[in-house]
Amino acid sequence: MIISKLGKYLYIKPDKNKTHELELYFSSISKITFSIIDLEKININDEGVLESLIKINNHLNIKNKSCVFVKQISIDEIESSDLVFLSTIKEAKDFLSMDEIERDLINQ
């Protein structure tokens, strides 16, 4: 699993079929930040994958943070409207920047 900083965001690229490992990582870190999760190697239709992604997303939302999943998918591939999928890392960074501003305004 690749874990690095991408500007002010956390960038994670899990290994193939390792979304449970990703879920464990998020539950173990003490400092939660806005995150970009690159799912290039992950088949989101595999058993348990969407459930793990939803848990990660909910965990971040509880901490008033958000995440974006980078993956080119068709609208038919995903049933959860709570998850944000974008096709490029640049789009993910732009989305998180706007989401961070929106959350700051709401919390003032």
C-alpha atoms as a PDB file:
ATOM      1  CA  MET A   1       0.000   0.000   0.000  1.00  0.00           C
ATOM      2  CA  ILE A   2       1.316   3.431  -0.946  1.00  0.00           C
ATOM      3  CA  ILE A   3       0.725   6.139   1.662  1.00  0.00           C
ATOM      4  CA  SER A   4       1.987   9.665   1.053  1.00  0.00           C
ATOM      5  CA  LYS A   5       1.082  13.333   1.232  1.00  0.00           C
ATOM      6  CA  LEU A   6      -0.337  14.962  -1.879  1.00  0.00           C
ATOM      7  CA  GLY A   7      -0.192  18.625  -1.059  1.00  0.00           C
ATOM      8  CA  LYS A   8      -2.230  18.928   2.124  1.00  0.00           C
ATOM      9  CA  TYR A   9      -4.160  15.707   1.489  1.00  0.00           C
ATOM     10  CA  LEU A  10      -3.433  12.129   2.401  1.00  0.00           C
ATOM     11  CA  TYR A  11      -2.945   9.955  -0.687  1.00  0.00           C
ATOM     12  CA  ILE A  12      -3.385   6.208  -0.399  1.00  0.00           C
ATOM     13  CA  LYS A  13      -3.160   3.590  -3.110  1.00  0.00           C
ATOM     14  CA  PRO A  14      -4.026   0.168  -1.692  1.00  0.00           C
ATOM     15  CA  ASP A  15      -2.683  -3.057  -3.136  1.00  0.00           C
ATOM     16  CA  LYS A  16      -4.993  -5.295  -5.122  1.00  0.00           C
ATOM     17  CA  ASN A  17      -7.825  -6.701  -2.995  1.00  0.00           C
ATOM     18  CA  LYS A  18      -6.544  -5.033   0.206  1.00  0.00           C
ATOM     19  CA  THR A  19      -9.455  -2.771   1.116  1.00  0.00           C
ATOM     20  CA  HIS A  20      -9.808  -4.389   4.532  1.00  0.00           C
ATOM     21  CA  GLU A  21      -6.174  -3.423   5.215  1.00  0.00           C
ATOM     22  CA  LEU A  22      -7.083   0.120   4.170  1.00  0.00           C
ATOM     23  CA  GLU A  23     -10.038   0.101   6.547  1.00  0.00           C
ATOM     24  CA  LEU A  24      -7.771  -1.025   9.410  1.00  0.00           C
ATOM     25  CA  TYR A  25      -5.296   1.743   8.573  1.00  0.00           C
ATOM     26  CA  PHE A  26      -7.958   4.442   8.887  1.00  0.00           C
ATOM     27  CA  SER A  27      -9.216   3.076  12.179  1.00  0.00           C
ATOM     28  CA  SER A  28      -5.667   3.062  13.602  1.00  0.00           C
ATOM     29  CA  ILE A  29      -4.411   6.557  12.714  1.00  0.00           C
ATOM     30  CA  SER A  30      -4.811   9.331  15.247  1.00  0.00           C
ATOM     31  CA  LYS A  31      -4.760  12.353  12.921  1.00  0.00           C
ATOM     32  CA  ILE A  32      -7.568  12.181  10.374  1.00  0.00           C
ATOM     33  CA  THR A  33      -7.295  14.377   7.296  1.00  0.00           C
ATOM     34  CA  PHE A  34      -8.991  14.826   3.944  1.00  0.00           C
ATOM     35  CA  SER A  35      -8.001  11.827   1.848  1.00  0.00           C
ATOM     36  CA  ILE A  36      -7.631  10.701  -1.746  1.00  0.00           C
ATOM     37  CA  ILE A  37      -7.871   6.946  -2.152  1.00  0.00           C
ATOM     38  CA  ASP A  38      -6.685   5.643  -5.518  1.00  0.00           C
ATOM     39  CA  LEU A  39      -8.546   2.440  -6.377  1.00  0.00           C
ATOM     40  CA  GLU A  40      -6.763   1.717  -9.661  1.00  0.00           C
ATOM     41  CA  LYS A  41      -5.887  -1.845  -8.605  1.00  0.00           C
ATOM     42  CA  ILE A  42      -9.171  -2.560  -6.801  1.00  0.00           C
ATOM     43  CA  ASN A  43     -12.227  -4.231  -8.284  1.00  0.00           C
ATOM     44  CA  ILE A  44     -15.072  -2.453  -6.516  1.00  0.00           C
ATOM     45  CA  ASN A  45     -17.432  -5.299  -7.341  1.00  0.00           C
ATOM     46  CA  ASP A  46     -15.428  -7.811  -5.284  1.00  0.00           C
ATOM     47  CA  GLU A  47     -17.099  -9.052  -2.125  1.00  0.00           C
ATOM     48  CA  GLY A  48     -16.707  -6.694   0.826  1.00  0.00           C
ATOM     49  CA  VAL A  49     -15.042  -3.860  -1.106  1.00  0.00           C
ATOM     50  CA  LEU A  50     -17.972  -1.432  -1.116  1.00  0.00           C
ATOM     51  CA  GLU A  51     -18.681  -2.180   2.532  1.00  0.00           C
ATOM     52  CA  SER A  52     -15.077  -1.275   3.435  1.00  0.00           C
ATOM     53  CA  LEU A  53     -15.212   1.917   1.368  1.00  0.00           C
ATOM     54  CA  ILE A  54     -18.468   2.955   3.027  1.00  0.00           C
ATOM     55  CA  LYS A  55     -16.970   2.341   6.501  1.00  0.00           C
ATOM     56  CA  ILE A  56     -13.916   4.455   5.623  1.00  0.00           C
ATOM     57  CA  ASN A  57     -16.107   7.237   4.240  1.00  0.00           C
ATOM     58  CA  ASN A  58     -18.351   7.210   7.325  1.00  0.00           C
ATOM     59  CA  HIS A  59     -15.328   7.187   9.663  1.00  0.00           C
ATOM     60  CA  LEU A  60     -13.951  10.311   7.977  1.00  0.00           C
ATOM     61  CA  ASN A  61     -17.342  12.054   7.906  1.00  0.00           C
ATOM     62  CA  ILE A  62     -17.753  11.544  11.652  1.00  0.00           C
ATOM     63  CA  LYS A  63     -14.442  13.418  12.076  1.00  0.00           C
ATOM     64  CA  ASN A  64     -15.741  16.196   9.765  1.00  0.00           C
ATOM     65  CA  LYS A  65     -13.361  15.135   6.982  1.00  0.00           C
ATOM     66  CA  SER A  66     -14.058  13.585   3.615  1.00  0.00           C
ATOM     67  CA  CYS A  67     -12.471  11.342   1.055  1.00  0.00           C
ATOM     68  CA  VAL A  68     -12.602  10.869  -2.676  1.00  0.00           C
ATOM     69  CA  PHE A  69     -12.087   7.586  -4.456  1.00  0.00           C
ATOM     70  CA  VAL A  70     -10.154   7.794  -7.717  1.00  0.00           C
ATOM     71  CA  LYS A  71     -11.490   5.230 -10.153  1.00  0.00           C
ATOM     72  CA  GLN A  72     -12.990   5.389 -13.604  1.00  0.00           C
ATOM     73  CA  ILE A  73     -16.347   3.676 -13.277  1.00  0.00           C
ATOM     74  CA  SER A  74     -19.697   3.828 -14.957  1.00  0.00           C
ATOM     75  CA  ILE A  75     -22.737   4.984 -13.037  1.00  0.00           C
ATOM     76  CA  ASP A  76     -24.123   1.445 -13.173  1.00  0.00           C
ATOM     77  CA  GLU A  77     -21.155   0.025 -11.251  1.00  0.00           C
ATOM     78  CA  ILE A  78     -21.900   1.753  -7.973  1.00  0.00           C
ATOM     79  CA  GLU A  79     -25.069   1.697  -5.916  1.00  0.00           C
ATOM     80  CA  SER A  80     -23.987   3.947  -3.040  1.00  0.00           C
ATOM     81  CA  SER A  81     -24.693   7.637  -3.485  1.00  0.00           C
ATOM     82  CA  ASP A  82     -22.663   8.441  -0.354  1.00  0.00           C
ATOM     83  CA  LEU A  83     -19.326   7.682  -2.006  1.00  0.00           C
ATOM     84  CA  VAL A  84     -17.568  10.134  -4.319  1.00  0.00           C
ATOM     85  CA  PHE A  85     -15.774   8.598  -7.301  1.00  0.00           C
ATOM     86  CA  LEU A  86     -13.763  10.799  -9.638  1.00  0.00           C
ATOM     87  CA  SER A  87     -11.615   9.737 -12.558  1.00  0.00           C
ATOM     88  CA  THR A  88      -8.417  11.737 -11.917  1.00  0.00           C
ATOM     89  CA  ILE A  89      -6.308  12.793  -8.961  1.00  0.00           C
ATOM     90  CA  LYS A  90      -6.579  16.447 -10.044  1.00  0.00           C
ATOM     91  CA  GLU A  91     -10.383  16.236  -9.924  1.00  0.00           C
ATOM     92  CA  ALA A  92     -10.108  14.626  -6.489  1.00  0.00           C
ATOM     93  CA  LYS A  93      -7.887  17.449  -5.186  1.00  0.00           C
ATOM     94  CA  ASP A  94     -10.264  20.084  -6.574  1.00  0.00           C
ATOM     95  CA  PHE A  95     -13.271  18.350  -5.014  1.00  0.00           C
ATOM     96  CA  LEU A  96     -11.606  18.082  -1.590  1.00  0.00           C
ATOM     97  CA  SER A  97     -10.567  21.728  -1.727  1.00  0.00           C
ATOM     98  CA  MET A  98     -14.161  22.811  -2.336  1.00  0.00           C
ATOM     99  CA  ASP A  99     -15.507  20.353   0.245  1.00  0.00           C
ATOM    100  CA  GLU A 100     -13.080  21.662   2.853  1.00  0.00           C
ATOM    101  CA  ILE A 101     -14.217  25.242   2.214  1.00  0.00           C
ATOM    102  CA  GLU A 102     -17.871  24.202   2.453  1.00  0.00           C
ATOM    103  CA  ARG A 103     -17.309  22.349   5.737  1.00  0.00           C
ATOM    104  CA  ASP A 104     -15.437  25.344   7.179  1.00  0.00           C
ATOM    105  CA  LEU A 105     -18.304  27.682   6.271  1.00  0.00           C
ATOM    106  CA  ILE A 106     -20.907  25.366   7.791  1.00  0.00           C
ATOM    107  CA  ASN A 107     -18.923  25.051  11.036  1.00  0.00           C
ATOM    108  CA  GLN A 108     -18.464  28.797  11.568  1.00  0.00           C
END
